[in-house]
Amino acid sequence: MGFGLQEGGEGACPLPLDPNRNYGPAEVCDFLNVSYSTAIRVMERMPGCVKIVKKTPGKRTKRTLRISGARLKEWMRNHPANPLA
């Protein structure tokens, strides 16, 4: 099964990908059909991925990752089989 395809028998249909929307790791793992932690690793290396870092003294650093639908679609087109390539 390739990226962006839903389970569902013969006629697997592509998931809707809005190029104007920003996606987080939870949605990216659905599109790529990988685990949440793998989606984070892949997103960290994607060009155009926005990393928002919040540092609080005495607490762990929190990261938020977002990627636009257009960038995700382009990345999926260039990496058809292996998300870790």
Protein backbone atom coordinates (compact mmCIF):
# COMPACT_ATOMS: atom_id res chain seq x y z
CA MET A 1 0.00 0.00 0.00
CA GLY A 2 1.39 3.41 -0.94
CA PHE A 3 1.21 6.68 0.93
CA GLY A 4 -2.12 8.43 1.35
CA LEU A 5 -4.27 5.36 0.75
CA GLN A 6 -6.98 4.13 3.06
CA GLU A 7 -7.61 0.52 3.93
CA GLY A 8 -10.74 -0.69 2.28
CA GLY A 9 -10.58 -3.57 -0.12
CA GLU A 10 -10.15 -3.18 -3.84
CA GLY A 11 -10.82 0.49 -4.47
CA ALA A 12 -8.47 2.12 -2.00
CA CYS A 13 -9.15 5.82 -2.34
CA PRO A 14 -6.64 8.56 -1.57
CA LEU A 15 -7.11 10.51 1.66
CA PRO A 16 -8.11 14.14 1.05
CA LEU A 17 -5.06 16.38 1.36
CA ASP A 18 -5.78 20.12 1.51
CA PRO A 19 -2.71 22.04 0.24
CA ASN A 20 -3.69 25.15 2.25
CA ARG A 21 -3.97 23.36 5.61
CA ASN A 22 -1.17 22.70 8.09
CA TYR A 23 -0.83 19.13 9.37
CA GLY A 24 0.62 17.80 12.61
CA PRO A 25 2.29 14.45 13.28
CA ALA A 26 -1.03 12.69 14.03
CA GLU A 27 -2.40 13.47 10.56
CA VAL A 28 0.93 12.83 8.85
CA CYS A 29 1.16 9.34 10.35
CA ASP A 30 -2.27 8.59 8.83
CA PHE A 31 -1.20 9.85 5.40
CA LEU A 32 2.11 7.96 5.45
CA ASN A 33 0.68 4.87 7.17
CA VAL A 34 3.46 4.87 9.78
CA SER A 35 3.60 5.16 13.57
CA TYR A 36 3.36 8.51 15.36
CA SER A 37 7.04 8.47 16.38
CA THR A 38 8.10 7.66 12.80
CA ALA A 39 5.98 10.55 11.53
CA ILE A 40 7.81 12.88 13.92
CA ARG A 41 11.23 11.63 12.74
CA VAL A 42 10.21 12.01 9.09
CA MET A 43 8.71 15.48 9.64
CA GLU A 44 11.88 16.72 11.36
CA ARG A 45 13.77 16.08 8.10
CA MET A 46 11.11 17.40 5.70
CA PRO A 47 11.91 20.70 4.00
CA GLY A 48 9.38 23.35 4.93
CA CYS A 49 8.39 21.78 8.24
CA VAL A 50 7.77 24.43 10.90
CA LYS A 51 9.21 23.65 14.32
CA ILE A 52 7.74 25.70 17.16
CA VAL A 53 9.77 25.34 20.37
CA LYS A 54 8.55 26.44 23.79
CA LYS A 55 11.12 26.50 26.58
CA THR A 56 9.99 26.79 30.19
CA PRO A 57 12.62 27.02 32.95
CA GLY A 58 12.64 23.88 35.07
CA LYS A 59 10.49 21.89 32.61
CA ARG A 60 11.13 19.91 29.45
CA THR A 61 11.21 21.68 26.08
CA LYS A 62 7.99 21.25 24.12
CA ARG A 63 8.07 21.05 20.31
CA THR A 64 5.20 21.51 17.89
CA LEU A 65 5.68 20.34 14.30
CA ARG A 66 3.52 21.52 11.41
CA ILE A 67 3.81 21.07 7.65
CA SER A 68 1.63 22.52 4.90
CA GLY A 69 -0.43 20.18 2.76
CA ALA A 70 1.37 21.37 -0.38
CA ARG A 71 4.81 20.52 1.08
CA LEU A 72 3.56 17.16 2.36
CA LYS A 73 2.09 16.30 -1.04
CA GLU A 74 5.37 17.26 -2.75
CA TRP A 75 7.36 15.16 -0.27
CA MET A 76 5.05 12.16 -0.80
CA ARG A 77 5.48 12.49 -4.58
CA ASN A 78 9.30 12.42 -4.23
CA HIS A 79 9.33 9.53 -1.69
CA PRO A 80 6.79 7.02 -3.02
CA ALA A 81 7.86 3.90 -1.12
CA ASN A 82 10.08 4.57 1.89
CA PRO A 83 9.30 7.29 4.47
CA LEU A 84 12.80 6.99 5.91
CA ALA A 85 14.65 7.37 2.59
